Amino acid sequence: MSLTLDIPDEVLAVIPVPEGEREVYLLLEIACSLYAQDLLSLGKAAELAGMAKLDFGKELGKRGIARHYTEAELAADLAYARGE
């Protein structure tokens, strides 16, 4: 399933992004917003933005959007790093 958004030309024209970059820009904005609202996981938001998880995580950091990282995930990562 996919979704097509119909954004009026008058609205697109006022977005201060070059015309050829608008789709990528808008997908990134939507992905960041949905992630920040905890509606998408990091992986799915990165997929929507067309980015690798690492690059998407860096973008979140630039925007001051906190990663959704639980204590359980931290414990699992630390155990993995210790070889457990």
PDB file of N, CA and C in Angstrom:
ATOM      1  N   MET A   1       0.848  -1.173   0.000  1.00  0.00           N
ATOM      2  CA  MET A   1       0.000   0.000   0.000  1.00  0.00           C
ATOM      3  C   MET A   1       0.897   1.241   0.000  1.00  0.00           C
ATOM      4  N   SER A   2       0.499   2.217  -0.713  1.00  0.00           N
ATOM      5  CA  SER A   2       1.210   3.496  -0.708  1.00  0.00           C
ATOM      6  C   SER A   2       0.171   4.602  -0.634  1.00  0.00           C
ATOM      7  N   LEU A   3       0.650   5.788  -0.334  1.00  0.00           N
ATOM      8  CA  LEU A   3      -0.219   6.940  -0.179  1.00  0.00           C
ATOM      9  C   LEU A   3       0.331   8.081  -1.009  1.00  0.00           C
ATOM     10  N   THR A   4      -0.527   8.733  -1.723  1.00  0.00           N
ATOM     11  CA  THR A   4      -0.130   9.904  -2.501  1.00  0.00           C
ATOM     12  C   THR A   4      -0.775  11.123  -1.862  1.00  0.00           C
ATOM     13  N   LEU A   5       0.034  12.115  -1.553  1.00  0.00           N
ATOM     14  CA  LEU A   5      -0.493  13.352  -0.987  1.00  0.00           C
ATOM     15  C   LEU A   5      -0.676  14.375  -2.090  1.00  0.00           C
ATOM     16  N   ASP A   6      -1.780  15.053  -2.055  1.00  0.00           N
ATOM     17  CA  ASP A   6      -2.055  16.102  -3.033  1.00  0.00           C
ATOM     18  C   ASP A   6      -1.811  17.443  -2.351  1.00  0.00           C
ATOM     19  N   ILE A   7      -0.652  18.015  -2.627  1.00  0.00           N
ATOM     20  CA  ILE A   7      -0.290  19.292  -2.030  1.00  0.00           C
ATOM     21  C   ILE A   7      -0.436  20.358  -3.117  1.00  0.00           C
ATOM     22  N   PRO A   8      -1.269  21.351  -2.878  1.00  0.00           N
ATOM     23  CA  PRO A   8      -1.494  22.380  -3.899  1.00  0.00           C
ATOM     24  C   PRO A   8      -0.196  23.055  -4.331  1.00  0.00           C
ATOM     25  N   ASP A   9      -0.113  23.382  -5.608  1.00  0.00           N
ATOM     26  CA  ASP A   9       1.066  24.051  -6.149  1.00  0.00           C
ATOM     27  C   ASP A   9       1.380  25.343  -5.396  1.00  0.00           C
ATOM     28  N   GLU A  10       0.335  26.048  -4.974  1.00  0.00           N
ATOM     29  CA  GLU A  10       0.533  27.302  -4.266  1.00  0.00           C
ATOM     30  C   GLU A  10       1.252  27.083  -2.937  1.00  0.00           C
ATOM     31  N   VAL A  11       1.005  25.939  -2.316  1.00  0.00           N
ATOM     32  CA  VAL A  11       1.675  25.611  -1.054  1.00  0.00           C
ATOM     33  C   VAL A  11       3.107  25.178  -1.341  1.00  0.00           C
ATOM     34  N   LEU A  12       3.288  24.318  -2.313  1.00  0.00           N
ATOM     35  CA  LEU A  12       4.640  23.865  -2.664  1.00  0.00           C
ATOM     36  C   LEU A  12       5.535  25.030  -3.066  1.00  0.00           C
ATOM     37  N   ALA A  13       4.963  25.990  -3.746  1.00  0.00           N
ATOM     38  CA  ALA A  13       5.746  27.121  -4.246  1.00  0.00           C
ATOM     39  C   ALA A  13       6.354  27.960  -3.133  1.00  0.00           C
ATOM     40  N   VAL A  14       5.749  27.968  -1.957  1.00  0.00           N
ATOM     41  CA  VAL A  14       6.266  28.802  -0.876  1.00  0.00           C
ATOM     42  C   VAL A  14       7.227  28.049   0.050  1.00  0.00           C
ATOM     43  N   ILE A  15       7.416  26.760  -0.188  1.00  0.00           N
ATOM     44  CA  ILE A  15       8.399  26.011   0.599  1.00  0.00           C
ATOM     45  C   ILE A  15       9.779  26.391   0.074  1.00  0.00           C
ATOM     46  N   PRO A  16      10.633  26.946   0.938  1.00  0.00           N
ATOM     47  CA  PRO A  16      11.925  27.462   0.476  1.00  0.00           C
ATOM     48  C   PRO A  16      12.968  26.372   0.235  1.00  0.00           C
ATOM     49  N   VAL A  17      12.606  25.441  -0.630  1.00  0.00           N
ATOM     50  CA  VAL A  17      13.489  24.325  -0.999  1.00  0.00           C
ATOM     51  C   VAL A  17      13.432  24.218  -2.516  1.00  0.00           C
ATOM     52  N   PRO A  18      14.573  23.995  -3.169  1.00  0.00           N
ATOM     53  CA  PRO A  18      14.538  23.846  -4.635  1.00  0.00           C
ATOM     54  C   PRO A  18      13.534  22.776  -5.061  1.00  0.00           C
ATOM     55  N   GLU A  19      12.855  23.040  -6.147  1.00  0.00           N
ATOM     56  CA  GLU A  19      11.780  22.167  -6.619  1.00  0.00           C
ATOM     57  C   GLU A  19      12.196  20.695  -6.693  1.00  0.00           C
ATOM     58  N   GLY A  20      13.393  20.421  -7.164  1.00  0.00           N
ATOM     59  CA  GLY A  20      13.847  19.042  -7.310  1.00  0.00           C
ATOM     60  C   GLY A  20      14.152  18.340  -5.999  1.00  0.00           C
ATOM     61  N   GLU A  21      14.183  19.084  -4.897  1.00  0.00           N
ATOM     62  CA  GLU A  21      14.505  18.511  -3.584  1.00  0.00           C
ATOM     63  C   GLU A  21      13.294  18.445  -2.658  1.00  0.00           C
ATOM     64  N   ARG A  22      12.156  18.914  -3.111  1.00  0.00           N
ATOM     65  CA  ARG A  22      10.981  19.025  -2.238  1.00  0.00           C
ATOM     66  C   ARG A  22      10.464  17.679  -1.750  1.00  0.00           C
ATOM     67  N   GLU A  23      10.415  16.689  -2.617  1.00  0.00           N
ATOM     68  CA  GLU A  23       9.880  15.387  -2.189  1.00  0.00           C
ATOM     69  C   GLU A  23      10.746  14.792  -1.086  1.00  0.00           C
ATOM     70  N   VAL A  24      12.053  14.808  -1.275  1.00  0.00           N
ATOM     71  CA  VAL A  24      12.976  14.276  -0.265  1.00  0.00           C
ATOM     72  C   VAL A  24      12.828  15.068   1.036  1.00  0.00           C
ATOM     73  N   TYR A  25      12.756  16.384   0.920  1.00  0.00           N
ATOM     74  CA  TYR A  25      12.611  17.259   2.076  1.00  0.00           C
ATOM     75  C   TYR A  25      11.332  16.940   2.846  1.00  0.00           C
ATOM     76  N   LEU A  26      10.220  16.839   2.131  1.00  0.00           N
ATOM     77  CA  LEU A  26       8.938  16.587   2.786  1.00  0.00           C
ATOM     78  C   LEU A  26       8.889  15.209   3.429  1.00  0.00           C
ATOM     79  N   LEU A  27       9.453  14.210   2.776  1.00  0.00           N
ATOM     80  CA  LEU A  27       9.479  12.871   3.374  1.00  0.00           C
ATOM     81  C   LEU A  27      10.302  12.861   4.656  1.00  0.00           C
ATOM     82  N   LEU A  28      11.417  13.581   4.664  1.00  0.00           N
ATOM     83  CA  LEU A  28      12.232  13.665   5.870  1.00  0.00           C
ATOM     84  C   LEU A  28      11.468  14.384   6.981  1.00  0.00           C
ATOM     85  N   GLU A  29      10.795  15.464   6.649  1.00  0.00           N
ATOM     86  CA  GLU A  29      10.022  16.202   7.648  1.00  0.00           C
ATOM     87  C   GLU A  29       8.926  15.331   8.250  1.00  0.00           C
ATOM     88  N   ILE A  30       8.228  14.596   7.411  1.00  0.00           N
ATOM     89  CA  ILE A  30       7.156  13.716   7.894  1.00  0.00           C
ATOM     90  C   ILE A  30       7.746  12.613   8.765  1.00  0.00           C
ATOM     91  N   ALA A  31       8.840  12.011   8.320  1.00  0.00           N
ATOM     92  CA  ALA A  31       9.469  10.926   9.080  1.00  0.00           C
ATOM     93  C   ALA A  31       9.924  11.412  10.453  1.00  0.00           C
ATOM     94  N   CYS A  32      10.562  12.575  10.509  1.00  0.00           N
ATOM     95  CA  CYS A  32      11.023  13.119  11.788  1.00  0.00           C
ATOM     96  C   CYS A  32       9.848  13.414  12.709  1.00  0.00           C
ATOM     97  N   SER A  33       8.801  13.986  12.157  1.00  0.00           N
ATOM     98  CA  SER A  33       7.631  14.315  12.958  1.00  0.00           C
ATOM     99  C   SER A  33       6.966  13.062  13.523  1.00  0.00           C
ATOM    100  N   LEU A  34       6.796  12.053  12.689  1.00  0.00           N
ATOM    101  CA  LEU A  34       6.156  10.815  13.150  1.00  0.00           C
ATOM    102  C   LEU A  34       7.021  10.095  14.178  1.00  0.00           C
ATOM    103  N   TYR A  35       8.334  10.126  14.000  1.00  0.00           N
ATOM    104  CA  TYR A  35       9.228   9.523  14.987  1.00  0.00           C
ATOM    105  C   TYR A  35       9.162  10.284  16.301  1.00  0.00           C
ATOM    106  N   ALA A  36       9.207  11.614  16.244  1.00  0.00           N
ATOM    107  CA  ALA A  36       9.172  12.443  17.451  1.00  0.00           C
ATOM    108  C   ALA A  36       7.894  12.208  18.244  1.00  0.00           C
ATOM    109  N   GLN A  37       6.801  11.894  17.555  1.00  0.00           N
ATOM    110  CA  GLN A  37       5.520  11.634  18.213  1.00  0.00           C
ATOM    111  C   GLN A  37       5.380  10.171  18.634  1.00  0.00           C
ATOM    112  N   ASP A  38       6.452   9.396  18.438  1.00  0.00           N
ATOM    113  CA  ASP A  38       6.488   7.969  18.779  1.00  0.00           C
ATOM    114  C   ASP A  38       5.442   7.169  17.991  1.00  0.00           C
ATOM    115  N   LEU A  39       5.190   7.620  16.758  1.00  0.00           N
ATOM    116  CA  LEU A  39       4.246   6.914  15.888  1.00  0.00           C
ATOM    117  C   LEU A  39       4.955   5.955  14.940  1.00  0.00           C
ATOM    118  N   LEU A  40       6.267   6.169  14.727  1.00  0.00           N
ATOM    119  CA  LEU A  40       7.083   5.260  13.914  1.00  0.00           C
ATOM    120  C   LEU A  40       8.353   4.923  14.676  1.00  0.00           C
ATOM    121  N   SER A  41       8.817   3.707  14.479  1.00  0.00           N
ATOM    122  CA  SER A  41      10.107   3.309  15.040  1.00  0.00           C
ATOM    123  C   SER A  41      11.220   4.005  14.267  1.00  0.00           C
ATOM    124  N   LEU A  42      12.419   3.938  14.800  1.00  0.00           N
ATOM    125  CA  LEU A  42      13.566   4.524  14.116  1.00  0.00           C
ATOM    126  C   LEU A  42      13.733   3.898  12.734  1.00  0.00           C
ATOM    127  N   GLY A  43      13.630   2.580  12.663  1.00  0.00           N
ATOM    128  CA  GLY A  43      13.815   1.891  11.387  1.00  0.00           C
ATOM    129  C   GLY A  43      12.778   2.278  10.346  1.00  0.00           C
ATOM    130  N   LYS A  44      11.525   2.335  10.769  1.00  0.00           N
ATOM    131  CA  LYS A  44      10.455   2.682   9.820  1.00  0.00           C
ATOM    132  C   LYS A  44      10.524   4.153   9.421  1.00  0.00           C
ATOM    133  N   ALA A  45      10.877   5.020  10.359  1.00  0.00           N
ATOM    134  CA  ALA A  45      11.011   6.442  10.023  1.00  0.00           C
ATOM    135  C   ALA A  45      12.172   6.645   9.059  1.00  0.00           C
ATOM    136  N   ALA A  46      13.273   5.947   9.297  1.00  0.00           N
ATOM    137  CA  ALA A  46      14.418   6.033   8.384  1.00  0.00           C
ATOM    138  C   ALA A  46      14.033   5.526   6.998  1.00  0.00           C
ATOM    139  N   GLU A  47      13.267   4.446   6.967  1.00  0.00           N
ATOM    140  CA  GLU A  47      12.803   3.899   5.687  1.00  0.00           C
ATOM    141  C   GLU A  47      11.941   4.920   4.946  1.00  0.00           C
ATOM    142  N   LEU A  48      11.031   5.559   5.657  1.00  0.00           N
ATOM    143  CA  LEU A  48      10.175   6.577   5.047  1.00  0.00           C
ATOM    144  C   LEU A  48      11.008   7.728   4.488  1.00  0.00           C
ATOM    145  N   ALA A  49      12.041   8.109   5.221  1.00  0.00           N
ATOM    146  CA  ALA A  49      12.908   9.212   4.786  1.00  0.00           C
ATOM    147  C   ALA A  49      13.881   8.784   3.693  1.00  0.00           C
ATOM    148  N   GLY A  50      13.970   7.473   3.436  1.00  0.00           N
ATOM    149  CA  GLY A  50      14.902   6.985   2.423  1.00  0.00           C
ATOM    150  C   GLY A  50      16.350   7.069   2.878  1.00  0.00           C
ATOM    151  N   MET A  51      16.562   6.894   4.183  1.00  0.00           N
ATOM    152  CA  MET A  51      17.901   7.034   4.747  1.00  0.00           C
ATOM    153  C   MET A  51      18.292   5.774   5.516  1.00  0.00           C
ATOM    154  N   ALA A  52      19.587   5.594   5.710  1.00  0.00           N
ATOM    155  CA  ALA A  52      20.079   4.548   6.598  1.00  0.00           C
ATOM    156  C   ALA A  52      19.742   4.958   8.031  1.00  0.00           C
ATOM    157  N   LYS A  53      19.572   3.977   8.917  1.00  0.00           N
ATOM    158  CA  LYS A  53      19.232   4.290  10.309  1.00  0.00           C
ATOM    159  C   LYS A  53      20.263   5.216  10.955  1.00  0.00           C
ATOM    160  N   LEU A  54      21.523   4.967  10.695  1.00  0.00           N
ATOM    161  CA  LEU A  54      22.575   5.794  11.283  1.00  0.00           C
ATOM    162  C   LEU A  54      22.435   7.249  10.838  1.00  0.00           C
ATOM    163  N   ASP A  55      22.232   7.465   9.555  1.00  0.00           N
ATOM    164  CA  ASP A  55      22.081   8.830   9.034  1.00  0.00           C
ATOM    165  C   ASP A  55      20.812   9.493   9.566  1.00  0.00           C
ATOM    166  N   PHE A  56      19.745   8.718   9.668  1.00  0.00           N
ATOM    167  CA  PHE A  56      18.501   9.270  10.206  1.00  0.00           C
ATOM    168  C   PHE A  56      18.693   9.630  11.674  1.00  0.00           C
ATOM    169  N   GLY A  57      19.390   8.791  12.417  1.00  0.00           N
ATOM    170  CA  GLY A  57      19.678   9.092  13.818  1.00  0.00           C
ATOM    171  C   GLY A  57      20.472  10.375  13.963  1.00  0.00           C
ATOM    172  N   LYS A  58      21.432  10.586  13.074  1.00  0.00           N
ATOM    173  CA  LYS A  58      22.204  11.828  13.092  1.00  0.00           C
ATOM    174  C   LYS A  58      21.302  13.030  12.811  1.00  0.00           C
ATOM    175  N   GLU A  59      20.383  12.867  11.879  1.00  0.00           N
ATOM    176  CA  GLU A  59      19.436  13.953  11.563  1.00  0.00           C
ATOM    177  C   GLU A  59      18.564  14.271  12.774  1.00  0.00           C
ATOM    178  N   LEU A  60      18.125  13.248  13.488  1.00  0.00           N
ATOM    179  CA  LEU A  60      17.339  13.484  14.698  1.00  0.00           C
ATOM    180  C   LEU A  60      18.154  14.289  15.706  1.00  0.00           C
ATOM    181  N   GLY A  61      19.426  13.942  15.844  1.00  0.00           N
ATOM    182  CA  GLY A  61      20.293  14.669  16.765  1.00  0.00           C
ATOM    183  C   GLY A  61      20.439  16.130  16.389  1.00  0.00           C
ATOM    184  N   LYS A  62      20.605  16.391  15.083  1.00  0.00           N
ATOM    185  CA  LYS A  62      20.705  17.776  14.618  1.00  0.00           C
ATOM    186  C   LYS A  62      19.468  18.583  14.974  1.00  0.00           C
ATOM    187  N   ARG A  63      18.335  17.903  14.980  1.00  0.00           N
ATOM    188  CA  ARG A  63      17.063  18.576  15.240  1.00  0.00           C
ATOM    189  C   ARG A  63      16.699  18.590  16.725  1.00  0.00           C
ATOM    190  N   GLY A  64      17.517  17.964  17.533  1.00  0.00           N
ATOM    191  CA  GLY A  64      17.233  17.917  18.968  1.00  0.00           C
ATOM    192  C   GLY A  64      16.101  16.976  19.329  1.00  0.00           C
ATOM    193  N   ILE A  65      15.840  16.002  18.479  1.00  0.00           N
ATOM    194  CA  ILE A  65      14.789  15.017  18.739  1.00  0.00           C
ATOM    195  C   ILE A  65      15.426  13.839  19.471  1.00  0.00           C
ATOM    196  N   ALA A  66      14.943  13.583  20.680  1.00  0.00           N
ATOM    197  CA  ALA A  66      15.502  12.510  21.503  1.00  0.00           C
ATOM    198  C   ALA A  66      15.196  11.141  20.901  1.00  0.00           C
ATOM    199  N   ARG A  67      16.188  10.266  20.980  1.00  0.00           N
ATOM    200  CA  ARG A  67      15.995   8.885  20.535  1.00  0.00           C
ATOM    201  C   ARG A  67      15.102   8.164  21.527  1.00  0.00           C
ATOM    202  N   HIS A  68      14.249   7.301  21.039  1.00  0.00           N
ATOM    203  CA  HIS A  68      13.407   6.461  21.884  1.00  0.00           C
ATOM    204  C   HIS A  68      14.229   5.227  22.218  1.00  0.00           C
ATOM    205  N   TYR A  69      14.838   5.248  23.379  1.00  0.00           N
ATOM    206  CA  TYR A  69      15.788   4.215  23.761  1.00  0.00           C
ATOM    207  C   TYR A  69      15.510   3.868  25.213  1.00  0.00           C
ATOM    208  N   THR A  70      14.955   2.701  25.436  1.00  0.00           N
ATOM    209  CA  THR A  70      14.549   2.320  26.780  1.00  0.00           C
ATOM    210  C   THR A  70      15.724   1.774  27.581  1.00  0.00           C
ATOM    211  N   GLU A  71      15.528   1.692  28.876  1.00  0.00           N
ATOM    212  CA  GLU A  71      16.552   1.116  29.744  1.00  0.00           C
ATOM    213  C   GLU A  71      16.796  -0.345  29.387  1.00  0.00           C
ATOM    214  N   ALA A  72      15.755  -1.058  28.998  1.00  0.00           N
ATOM    215  CA  ALA A  72      15.905  -2.459  28.606  1.00  0.00           C
ATOM    216  C   ALA A  72      16.777  -2.586  27.355  1.00  0.00           C
ATOM    217  N   GLU A  73      16.582  -1.674  26.411  1.00  0.00           N
ATOM    218  CA  GLU A  73      17.410  -1.685  25.200  1.00  0.00           C
ATOM    219  C   GLU A  73      18.864  -1.362  25.533  1.00  0.00           C
ATOM    220  N   LEU A  74      19.065  -0.424  26.451  1.00  0.00           N
ATOM    221  CA  LEU A  74      20.414  -0.089  26.876  1.00  0.00           C
ATOM    222  C   LEU A  74      21.077  -1.291  27.534  1.00  0.00           C
ATOM    223  N   ALA A  75      20.354  -1.958  28.421  1.00  0.00           N
ATOM    224  CA  ALA A  75      20.901  -3.137  29.098  1.00  0.00           C
ATOM    225  C   ALA A  75      21.264  -4.222  28.091  1.00  0.00           C
ATOM    226  N   ALA A  76      20.409  -4.435  27.108  1.00  0.00           N
ATOM    227  CA  ALA A  76      20.689  -5.437  26.083  1.00  0.00           C
ATOM    228  C   ALA A  76      21.915  -5.057  25.262  1.00  0.00           C
ATOM    229  N   ASP A  77      22.035  -3.798  24.927  1.00  0.00           N
ATOM    230  CA  ASP A  77      23.201  -3.343  24.158  1.00  0.00           C
ATOM    231  C   ASP A  77      24.485  -3.477  24.966  1.00  0.00           C
ATOM    232  N   LEU A  78      24.415  -3.144  26.246  1.00  0.00           N
ATOM    233  CA  LEU A  78      25.602  -3.266  27.095  1.00  0.00           C
ATOM    234  C   LEU A  78      26.008  -4.735  27.258  1.00  0.00           C
ATOM    235  N   ALA A  79      25.010  -5.596  27.421  1.00  0.00           N
ATOM    236  CA  ALA A  79      25.294  -7.032  27.541  1.00  0.00           C
ATOM    237  C   ALA A  79      25.933  -7.547  26.251  1.00  0.00           C
ATOM    238  N   TYR A  80      25.428  -7.112  25.137  1.00  0.00           N
ATOM    239  CA  TYR A  80      25.994  -7.508  23.844  1.00  0.00           C
ATOM    240  C   TYR A  80      27.442  -7.024  23.726  1.00  0.00           C
ATOM    241  N   ALA A  81      27.684  -5.788  24.152  1.00  0.00           N
ATOM    242  CA  ALA A  81      29.038  -5.217  24.069  1.00  0.00           C
ATOM    243  C   ALA A  81      30.012  -5.972  24.972  1.00  0.00           C
ATOM    244  N   ARG A  82      29.496  -6.511  26.082  1.00  0.00           N
ATOM    245  CA  ARG A  82      30.333  -7.287  26.989  1.00  0.00           C
ATOM    246  C   ARG A  82      30.491  -8.740  26.532  1.00  0.00           C
ATOM    247  N   GLY A  83      29.801  -9.081  25.460  1.00  0.00           N
ATOM    248  CA  GLY A  83      29.872 -10.447  24.928  1.00  0.00           C
ATOM    249  C   GLY A  83      28.981 -11.439  25.641  1.00  0.00           C
ATOM    250  N   GLU A  84      27.973 -10.932  26.316  1.00  0.00           N
ATOM    251  CA  GLU A  84      27.050 -11.810  27.057  1.00  0.00           C
ATOM    252  C   GLU A  84      25.888 -12.235  26.201  1.00  0.00           C
TER     253      GLU A  84
END
